[in-house]
Amino acid sequence: MKLSTLKFKIYTKDSCDFCIRAKHTLSTMDLTYDEIRLEEHPEEKARLKAEGFKTVPQIYFGERHIGGYTELVKYLTDEKVYTRQSA
């Protein structure tokens, strides 16, 4: 199964460079994601804080928590879950 058929969820803040990098990485790989901007969703910010998360981005693939930007890159590389389609 190609990763491009599946969706990521990214919790972000506007002033976060690693959030921007994570979205850029997924976009350049033609992978879809839903972005939850914590400034617009204080209930999600409170939920993440209650779960012990202190930084953003927090990235999920389905129900699986990936981590932040560094963990996303590692996940995409180590798991070899992404295969670029030929043009």
PDB file of N, CA and C in Angstrom:
ATOM      1  N   MET A   1       0.845  -1.185   0.000  1.00  0.00           N
ATOM      2  CA  MET A   1       0.000   0.000   0.000  1.00  0.00           C
ATOM      3  C   MET A   1       0.885   1.240   0.000  1.00  0.00           C
ATOM      4  N   LYS A   2       0.556   2.166  -0.846  1.00  0.00           N
ATOM      5  CA  LYS A   2       1.330   3.398  -0.907  1.00  0.00           C
ATOM      6  C   LYS A   2       0.880   4.334   0.200  1.00  0.00           C
ATOM      7  N   LEU A   3       1.833   4.996   0.818  1.00  0.00           N
ATOM      8  CA  LEU A   3       1.550   5.910   1.907  1.00  0.00           C
ATOM      9  C   LEU A   3       0.679   7.074   1.449  1.00  0.00           C
ATOM     10  N   SER A   4       0.771   7.434   0.181  1.00  0.00           N
ATOM     11  CA  SER A   4       0.024   8.585  -0.314  1.00  0.00           C
ATOM     12  C   SER A   4      -1.477   8.384  -0.233  1.00  0.00           C
ATOM     13  N   THR A   5      -1.951   7.166  -0.004  1.00  0.00           N
ATOM     14  CA  THR A   5      -3.378   6.925   0.139  1.00  0.00           C
ATOM     15  C   THR A   5      -3.833   7.092   1.580  1.00  0.00           C
ATOM     16  N   LEU A   6      -2.910   7.282   2.503  1.00  0.00           N
ATOM     17  CA  LEU A   6      -3.224   7.413   3.917  1.00  0.00           C
ATOM     18  C   LEU A   6      -3.005   8.847   4.377  1.00  0.00           C
ATOM     19  N   LYS A   7      -3.514   9.187   5.576  1.00  0.00           N
ATOM     20  CA  LYS A   7      -3.467  10.572   6.006  1.00  0.00           C
ATOM     21  C   LYS A   7      -2.784  10.738   7.365  1.00  0.00           C
ATOM     22  N   PHE A   8      -2.020  11.814   7.476  1.00  0.00           N
ATOM     23  CA  PHE A   8      -1.385  12.217   8.721  1.00  0.00           C
ATOM     24  C   PHE A   8      -2.234  13.286   9.396  1.00  0.00           C
ATOM     25  N   LYS A   9      -2.012  13.452  10.679  1.00  0.00           N
ATOM     26  CA  LYS A   9      -2.623  14.549  11.433  1.00  0.00           C
ATOM     27  C   LYS A   9      -1.487  15.254  12.154  1.00  0.00           C
ATOM     28  N   ILE A  10      -1.414  16.586  11.985  1.00  0.00           N
ATOM     29  CA  ILE A  10      -0.334  17.362  12.574  1.00  0.00           C
ATOM     30  C   ILE A  10      -0.925  18.454  13.463  1.00  0.00           C
ATOM     31  N   TYR A  11      -0.528  18.449  14.727  1.00  0.00           N
ATOM     32  CA  TYR A  11      -0.896  19.513  15.661  1.00  0.00           C
ATOM     33  C   TYR A  11       0.208  20.550  15.607  1.00  0.00           C
ATOM     34  N   THR A  12      -0.154  21.809  15.320  1.00  0.00           N
ATOM     35  CA  THR A  12       0.842  22.841  15.072  1.00  0.00           C
ATOM     36  C   THR A  12       0.551  24.129  15.824  1.00  0.00           C
ATOM     37  N   LYS A  13       1.575  24.997  15.844  1.00  0.00           N
ATOM     38  CA  LYS A  13       1.445  26.396  16.263  1.00  0.00           C
ATOM     39  C   LYS A  13       1.993  27.240  15.126  1.00  0.00           C
ATOM     40  N   ASP A  14       1.466  28.445  14.979  1.00  0.00           N
ATOM     41  CA  ASP A  14       1.853  29.308  13.863  1.00  0.00           C
ATOM     42  C   ASP A  14       3.339  29.648  13.847  1.00  0.00           C
ATOM     43  N   SER A  15       3.949  29.836  14.995  1.00  0.00           N
ATOM     44  CA  SER A  15       5.333  30.303  15.060  1.00  0.00           C
ATOM     45  C   SER A  15       6.350  29.164  15.145  1.00  0.00           C
ATOM     46  N   CYS A  16       5.978  27.989  14.716  1.00  0.00           N
ATOM     47  CA  CYS A  16       6.814  26.800  14.887  1.00  0.00           C
ATOM     48  C   CYS A  16       7.517  26.420  13.585  1.00  0.00           C
ATOM     49  N   ASP A  17       8.846  26.569  13.556  1.00  0.00           N
ATOM     50  CA  ASP A  17       9.620  26.216  12.366  1.00  0.00           C
ATOM     51  C   ASP A  17       9.549  24.721  12.049  1.00  0.00           C
ATOM     52  N   PHE A  18       9.569  23.875  13.075  1.00  0.00           N
ATOM     53  CA  PHE A  18       9.500  22.441  12.825  1.00  0.00           C
ATOM     54  C   PHE A  18       8.137  22.020  12.300  1.00  0.00           C
ATOM     55  N   CYS A  19       7.085  22.749  12.668  1.00  0.00           N
ATOM     56  CA  CYS A  19       5.750  22.494  12.100  1.00  0.00           C
ATOM     57  C   CYS A  19       5.767  22.785  10.607  1.00  0.00           C
ATOM     58  N   ILE A  20       6.362  23.898  10.245  1.00  0.00           N
ATOM     59  CA  ILE A  20       6.469  24.280   8.837  1.00  0.00           C
ATOM     60  C   ILE A  20       7.268  23.233   8.067  1.00  0.00           C
ATOM     61  N   ARG A  21       8.354  22.768   8.641  1.00  0.00           N
ATOM     62  CA  ARG A  21       9.182  21.752   7.989  1.00  0.00           C
ATOM     63  C   ARG A  21       8.416  20.441   7.796  1.00  0.00           C
ATOM     64  N   ALA A  22       7.673  20.038   8.828  1.00  0.00           N
ATOM     65  CA  ALA A  22       6.912  18.788   8.735  1.00  0.00           C
ATOM     66  C   ALA A  22       5.866  18.876   7.625  1.00  0.00           C
ATOM     67  N   LYS A  23       5.139  19.978   7.561  1.00  0.00           N
ATOM     68  CA  LYS A  23       4.123  20.149   6.518  1.00  0.00           C
ATOM     69  C   LYS A  23       4.777  20.186   5.137  1.00  0.00           C
ATOM     70  N   HIS A  24       5.911  20.861   5.041  1.00  0.00           N
ATOM     71  CA  HIS A  24       6.627  20.929   3.765  1.00  0.00           C
ATOM     72  C   HIS A  24       7.101  19.536   3.329  1.00  0.00           C
ATOM     73  N   THR A  25       7.639  18.774   4.259  1.00  0.00           N
ATOM     74  CA  THR A  25       8.113  17.425   3.943  1.00  0.00           C
ATOM     75  C   THR A  25       6.979  16.575   3.398  1.00  0.00           C
ATOM     76  N   LEU A  26       5.852  16.586   4.074  1.00  0.00           N
ATOM     77  CA  LEU A  26       4.723  15.783   3.618  1.00  0.00           C
ATOM     78  C   LEU A  26       4.197  16.284   2.277  1.00  0.00           C
ATOM     79  N   SER A  27       4.105  17.589   2.124  1.00  0.00           N
ATOM     80  CA  SER A  27       3.596  18.158   0.869  1.00  0.00           C
ATOM     81  C   SER A  27       4.485  17.813  -0.320  1.00  0.00           C
ATOM     82  N   THR A  28       5.809  17.913  -0.129  1.00  0.00           N
ATOM     83  CA  THR A  28       6.708  17.619  -1.242  1.00  0.00           C
ATOM     84  C   THR A  28       6.708  16.137  -1.608  1.00  0.00           C
ATOM     85  N   MET A  29       6.252  15.304  -0.687  1.00  0.00           N
ATOM     86  CA  MET A  29       6.140  13.871  -0.953  1.00  0.00           C
ATOM     87  C   MET A  29       4.731  13.496  -1.411  1.00  0.00           C
ATOM     88  N   ASP A  30       3.895  14.520  -1.644  1.00  0.00           N
ATOM     89  CA  ASP A  30       2.506  14.308  -2.077  1.00  0.00           C
ATOM     90  C   ASP A  30       1.711  13.470  -1.086  1.00  0.00           C
ATOM     91  N   LEU A  31       1.971  13.672   0.207  1.00  0.00           N
ATOM     92  CA  LEU A  31       1.244  12.973   1.259  1.00  0.00           C
ATOM     93  C   LEU A  31       0.229  13.933   1.874  1.00  0.00           C
ATOM     94  N   THR A  32      -0.958  13.446   2.125  1.00  0.00           N
ATOM     95  CA  THR A  32      -2.005  14.305   2.663  1.00  0.00           C
ATOM     96  C   THR A  32      -1.951  14.326   4.186  1.00  0.00           C
ATOM     97  N   TYR A  33      -2.394  15.448   4.731  1.00  0.00           N
ATOM     98  CA  TYR A  33      -2.439  15.584   6.187  1.00  0.00           C
ATOM     99  C   TYR A  33      -3.543  16.564   6.568  1.00  0.00           C
ATOM    100  N   ASP A  34      -4.013  16.403   7.787  1.00  0.00           N
ATOM    101  CA  ASP A  34      -4.921  17.365   8.402  1.00  0.00           C
ATOM    102  C   ASP A  34      -4.109  18.142   9.419  1.00  0.00           C
ATOM    103  N   GLU A  35      -4.237  19.451   9.386  1.00  0.00           N
ATOM    104  CA  GLU A  35      -3.524  20.306  10.340  1.00  0.00           C
ATOM    105  C   GLU A  35      -4.504  20.809  11.385  1.00  0.00           C
ATOM    106  N   ILE A  36      -4.136  20.654  12.654  1.00  0.00           N
ATOM    107  CA  ILE A  36      -4.913  21.197  13.757  1.00  0.00           C
ATOM    108  C   ILE A  36      -4.070  22.292  14.388  1.00  0.00           C
ATOM    109  N   ARG A  37      -4.456  23.541  14.122  1.00  0.00           N
ATOM    110  CA  ARG A  37      -3.717  24.700  14.647  1.00  0.00           C
ATOM    111  C   ARG A  37      -4.177  24.942  16.078  1.00  0.00           C
ATOM    112  N   LEU A  38      -3.270  24.782  17.016  1.00  0.00           N
ATOM    113  CA  LEU A  38      -3.616  24.851  18.431  1.00  0.00           C
ATOM    114  C   LEU A  38      -4.118  26.222  18.860  1.00  0.00           C
ATOM    115  N   GLU A  39      -3.727  27.287  18.139  1.00  0.00           N
ATOM    116  CA  GLU A  39      -4.250  28.619  18.452  1.00  0.00           C
ATOM    117  C   GLU A  39      -5.753  28.681  18.202  1.00  0.00           C
ATOM    118  N   GLU A  40      -6.232  27.878  17.290  1.00  0.00           N
ATOM    119  CA  GLU A  40      -7.652  27.858  16.942  1.00  0.00           C
ATOM    120  C   GLU A  40      -8.432  26.783  17.687  1.00  0.00           C
ATOM    121  N   HIS A  41      -7.723  25.859  18.327  1.00  0.00           N
ATOM    122  CA  HIS A  41      -8.367  24.731  19.010  1.00  0.00           C
ATOM    123  C   HIS A  41      -7.792  24.560  20.414  1.00  0.00           C
ATOM    124  N   PRO A  42      -8.168  25.456  21.343  1.00  0.00           N
ATOM    125  CA  PRO A  42      -7.609  25.368  22.699  1.00  0.00           C
ATOM    126  C   PRO A  42      -7.942  24.056  23.409  1.00  0.00           C
ATOM    127  N   GLU A  43      -9.033  23.420  23.041  1.00  0.00           N
ATOM    128  CA  GLU A  43      -9.386  22.135  23.654  1.00  0.00           C
ATOM    129  C   GLU A  43      -8.384  21.052  23.261  1.00  0.00           C
ATOM    130  N   GLU A  44      -7.879  21.118  22.034  1.00  0.00           N
ATOM    131  CA  GLU A  44      -6.865  20.161  21.591  1.00  0.00           C
ATOM    132  C   GLU A  44      -5.528  20.440  22.269  1.00  0.00           C
ATOM    133  N   LYS A  45      -5.226  21.718  22.448  1.00  0.00           N
ATOM    134  CA  LYS A  45      -4.002  22.101  23.160  1.00  0.00           C
ATOM    135  C   LYS A  45      -4.045  21.558  24.584  1.00  0.00           C
ATOM    136  N   ALA A  46      -5.184  21.700  25.247  1.00  0.00           N
ATOM    137  CA  ALA A  46      -5.338  21.194  26.618  1.00  0.00           C
ATOM    138  C   ALA A  46      -5.225  19.669  26.653  1.00  0.00           C
ATOM    139  N   ARG A  47      -5.790  18.990  25.663  1.00  0.00           N
ATOM    140  CA  ARG A  47      -5.724  17.529  25.611  1.00  0.00           C
ATOM    141  C   ARG A  47      -4.288  17.058  25.436  1.00  0.00           C
ATOM    142  N   LEU A  48      -3.555  17.694  24.518  1.00  0.00           N
ATOM    143  CA  LEU A  48      -2.155  17.307  24.312  1.00  0.00           C
ATOM    144  C   LEU A  48      -1.327  17.552  25.562  1.00  0.00           C
ATOM    145  N   LYS A  49      -1.571  18.687  26.216  1.00  0.00           N
ATOM    146  CA  LYS A  49      -0.847  18.994  27.449  1.00  0.00           C
ATOM    147  C   LYS A  49      -1.158  17.958  28.527  1.00  0.00           C
ATOM    148  N   ALA A  50      -2.415  17.560  28.633  1.00  0.00           N
ATOM    149  CA  ALA A  50      -2.820  16.553  29.622  1.00  0.00           C
ATOM    150  C   ALA A  50      -2.171  15.196  29.335  1.00  0.00           C
ATOM    151  N   GLU A  51      -1.882  14.934  28.074  1.00  0.00           N
ATOM    152  CA  GLU A  51      -1.225  13.683  27.693  1.00  0.00           C
ATOM    153  C   GLU A  51       0.292  13.762  27.865  1.00  0.00           C
ATOM    154  N   GLY A  52       0.793  14.932  28.273  1.00  0.00           N
ATOM    155  CA  GLY A  52       2.209  15.073  28.564  1.00  0.00           C
ATOM    156  C   GLY A  52       3.050  15.667  27.447  1.00  0.00           C
ATOM    157  N   PHE A  53       2.430  16.063  26.358  1.00  0.00           N
ATOM    158  CA  PHE A  53       3.183  16.670  25.258  1.00  0.00           C
ATOM    159  C   PHE A  53       3.448  18.132  25.561  1.00  0.00           C
ATOM    160  N   LYS A  54       4.697  18.555  25.344  1.00  0.00           N
ATOM    161  CA  LYS A  54       5.093  19.933  25.644  1.00  0.00           C
ATOM    162  C   LYS A  54       5.533  20.699  24.415  1.00  0.00           C
ATOM    163  N   THR A  55       5.702  20.011  23.299  1.00  0.00           N
ATOM    164  CA  THR A  55       6.213  20.655  22.088  1.00  0.00           C
ATOM    165  C   THR A  55       5.326  20.313  20.897  1.00  0.00           C
ATOM    166  N   VAL A  56       5.485  21.104  19.852  1.00  0.00           N
ATOM    167  CA  VAL A  56       4.845  20.823  18.573  1.00  0.00           C
ATOM    168  C   VAL A  56       5.921  20.845  17.500  1.00  0.00           C
ATOM    169  N   PRO A  57       5.706  20.196  16.397  1.00  0.00           N
ATOM    170  CA  PRO A  57       4.475  19.511  16.056  1.00  0.00           C
ATOM    171  C   PRO A  57       4.352  18.174  16.784  1.00  0.00           C
ATOM    172  N   GLN A  58       3.123  17.729  16.913  1.00  0.00           N
ATOM    173  CA  GLN A  58       2.846  16.360  17.309  1.00  0.00           C
ATOM    174  C   GLN A  58       2.143  15.745  16.112  1.00  0.00           C
ATOM    175  N   ILE A  59       2.715  14.658  15.619  1.00  0.00           N
ATOM    176  CA  ILE A  59       2.262  14.072  14.361  1.00  0.00           C
ATOM    177  C   ILE A  59       1.761  12.649  14.598  1.00  0.00           C
ATOM    178  N   TYR A  60       0.616  12.377  13.999  1.00  0.00           N
ATOM    179  CA  TYR A  60       0.008  11.049  14.051  1.00  0.00           C
ATOM    180  C   TYR A  60      -0.174  10.535  12.634  1.00  0.00           C
ATOM    181  N   PHE A  61      -0.070   9.233  12.497  1.00  0.00           N
ATOM    182  CA  PHE A  61      -0.399   8.565  11.240  1.00  0.00           C
ATOM    183  C   PHE A  61      -1.504   7.583  11.594  1.00  0.00           C
ATOM    184  N   GLY A  62      -2.718   7.941  11.246  1.00  0.00           N
ATOM    185  CA  GLY A  62      -3.859   7.178  11.736  1.00  0.00           C
ATOM    186  C   GLY A  62      -3.909   7.339  13.247  1.00  0.00           C
ATOM    187  N   GLU A  63      -3.970   6.251  13.972  1.00  0.00           N
ATOM    188  CA  GLU A  63      -3.971   6.274  15.433  1.00  0.00           C
ATOM    189  C   GLU A  63      -2.560   6.205  16.020  1.00  0.00           C
ATOM    190  N   ARG A  64      -1.568   5.985  15.175  1.00  0.00           N
ATOM    191  CA  ARG A  64      -0.187   5.820  15.646  1.00  0.00           C
ATOM    192  C   ARG A  64       0.480   7.181  15.838  1.00  0.00           C
ATOM    193  N   HIS A  65       0.997   7.420  17.044  1.00  0.00           N
ATOM    194  CA  HIS A  65       1.735   8.644  17.325  1.00  0.00           C
ATOM    195  C   HIS A  65       3.142   8.493  16.769  1.00  0.00           C
ATOM    196  N   ILE A  66       3.522   9.418  15.882  1.00  0.00           N
ATOM    197  CA  ILE A  66       4.853   9.401  15.277  1.00  0.00           C
ATOM    198  C   ILE A  66       5.831  10.198  16.132  1.00  0.00           C
ATOM    199  N   GLY A  67       5.428  11.382  16.582  1.00  0.00           N
ATOM    200  CA  GLY A  67       6.294  12.277  17.350  1.00  0.00           C
ATOM    201  C   GLY A  67       6.360  13.622  16.676  1.00  0.00           C
ATOM    202  N   GLY A  68       7.537  14.217  16.685  1.00  0.00           N
ATOM    203  CA  GLY A  68       7.754  15.519  16.071  1.00  0.00           C
ATOM    204  C   GLY A  68       8.363  15.394  14.686  1.00  0.00           C
ATOM    205  N   TYR A  69       8.952  16.492  14.226  1.00  0.00           N
ATOM    206  CA  TYR A  69       9.517  16.530  12.875  1.00  0.00           C
ATOM    207  C   TYR A  69      10.622  15.492  12.689  1.00  0.00           C
ATOM    208  N   THR A  70      11.557  15.421  13.620  1.00  0.00           N
ATOM    209  CA  THR A  70      12.672  14.481  13.502  1.00  0.00           C
ATOM    210  C   THR A  70      12.165  13.046  13.433  1.00  0.00           C
ATOM    211  N   GLU A  71      11.182  12.728  14.256  1.00  0.00           N
ATOM    212  CA  GLU A  71      10.616  11.378  14.263  1.00  0.00           C
ATOM    213  C   GLU A  71       9.854  11.098  12.966  1.00  0.00           C
ATOM    214  N   LEU A  72       9.225  12.136  12.392  1.00  0.00           N
ATOM    215  CA  LEU A  72       8.540  11.965  11.112  1.00  0.00           C
ATOM    216  C   LEU A  72       9.523  11.573  10.025  1.00  0.00           C
ATOM    217  N   VAL A  73      10.636  12.298   9.937  1.00  0.00           N
ATOM    218  CA  VAL A  73      11.651  11.990   8.919  1.00  0.00           C
ATOM    219  C   VAL A  73      12.176  10.574   9.123  1.00  0.00           C
ATOM    220  N   LYS A  74      12.463  10.207  10.355  1.00  0.00           N
ATOM    221  CA  LYS A  74      12.945   8.861  10.666  1.00  0.00           C
ATOM    222  C   LYS A  74      11.900   7.815  10.282  1.00  0.00           C
ATOM    223  N   TYR A  75      10.640   8.077  10.609  1.00  0.00           N
ATOM    224  CA  TYR A  75       9.557   7.160  10.273  1.00  0.00           C
ATOM    225  C   TYR A  75       9.457   6.958   8.764  1.00  0.00           C
ATOM    226  N   LEU A  76       9.485   8.043   8.019  1.00  0.00           N
ATOM    227  CA  LEU A  76       9.370   7.943   6.567  1.00  0.00           C
ATOM    228  C   LEU A  76      10.571   7.232   5.949  1.00  0.00           C
ATOM    229  N   THR A  77      11.742   7.381   6.560  1.00  0.00           N
ATOM    230  CA  THR A  77      12.964   6.762   6.045  1.00  0.00           C
ATOM    231  C   THR A  77      13.108   5.314   6.507  1.00  0.00           C
ATOM    232  N   ASP A  78      13.064   5.096   7.818  1.00  0.00           N
ATOM    233  CA  ASP A  78      13.334   3.772   8.381  1.00  0.00           C
ATOM    234  C   ASP A  78      12.256   2.752   8.053  1.00  0.00           C
ATOM    235  N   GLU A  79      11.016   3.171   8.069  1.00  0.00           N
ATOM    236  CA  GLU A  79       9.931   2.238   7.818  1.00  0.00           C
ATOM    237  C   GLU A  79       9.767   1.940   6.331  1.00  0.00           C
ATOM    238  N   LYS A  80      10.448   2.743   5.511  1.00  0.00           N
ATOM    239  CA  LYS A  80      10.357   2.581   4.061  1.00  0.00           C
ATOM    240  C   LYS A  80       8.894   2.487   3.624  1.00  0.00           C
ATOM    241  N   VAL A  81       8.079   3.356   4.217  1.00  0.00           N
ATOM    242  CA  VAL A  81       6.648   3.322   3.928  1.00  0.00           C
ATOM    243  C   VAL A  81       6.277   4.193   2.743  1.00  0.00           C
ATOM    244  N   TYR A  82       7.226   4.944   2.231  1.00  0.00           N
ATOM    245  CA  TYR A  82       6.922   5.851   1.138  1.00  0.00           C
ATOM    246  C   TYR A  82       7.633   5.400  -0.122  1.00  0.00           C
ATOM    247  N   THR A  83       6.889   5.279  -1.180  1.00  0.00           N
ATOM    248  CA  THR A  83       7.457   4.972  -2.484  1.00  0.00           C
ATOM    249  C   THR A  83       6.987   6.056  -3.439  1.00  0.00           C
ATOM    250  N   ARG A  84       7.927   6.821  -3.948  1.00  0.00           N
ATOM    251  CA  ARG A  84       7.582   7.921  -4.863  1.00  0.00           C
ATOM    252  C   ARG A  84       7.098   7.325  -6.191  1.00  0.00           C
ATOM    253  N   GLN A  85       5.948   7.805  -6.630  1.00  0.00           N
ATOM    254  CA  GLN A  85       5.403   7.344  -7.895  1.00  0.00           C
ATOM    255  C   GLN A  85       6.181   7.992  -9.036  1.00  0.00           C
ATOM    256  N   SER A  86       6.404   7.226 -10.089  1.00  0.00           N
ATOM    257  CA  SER A  86       7.097   7.801 -11.237  1.00  0.00           C
ATOM    258  C   SER A  86       6.140   8.684 -12.028  1.00  0.00           C
ATOM    259  N   ALA A  87       6.683   9.749 -12.592  1.00  0.00           N
ATOM    260  CA  ALA A  87       5.860  10.724 -13.323  1.00  0.00           C
ATOM    261  C   ALA A  87       5.469  10.205 -14.672  1.00  0.00           C
TER     262      ALA A  87
END
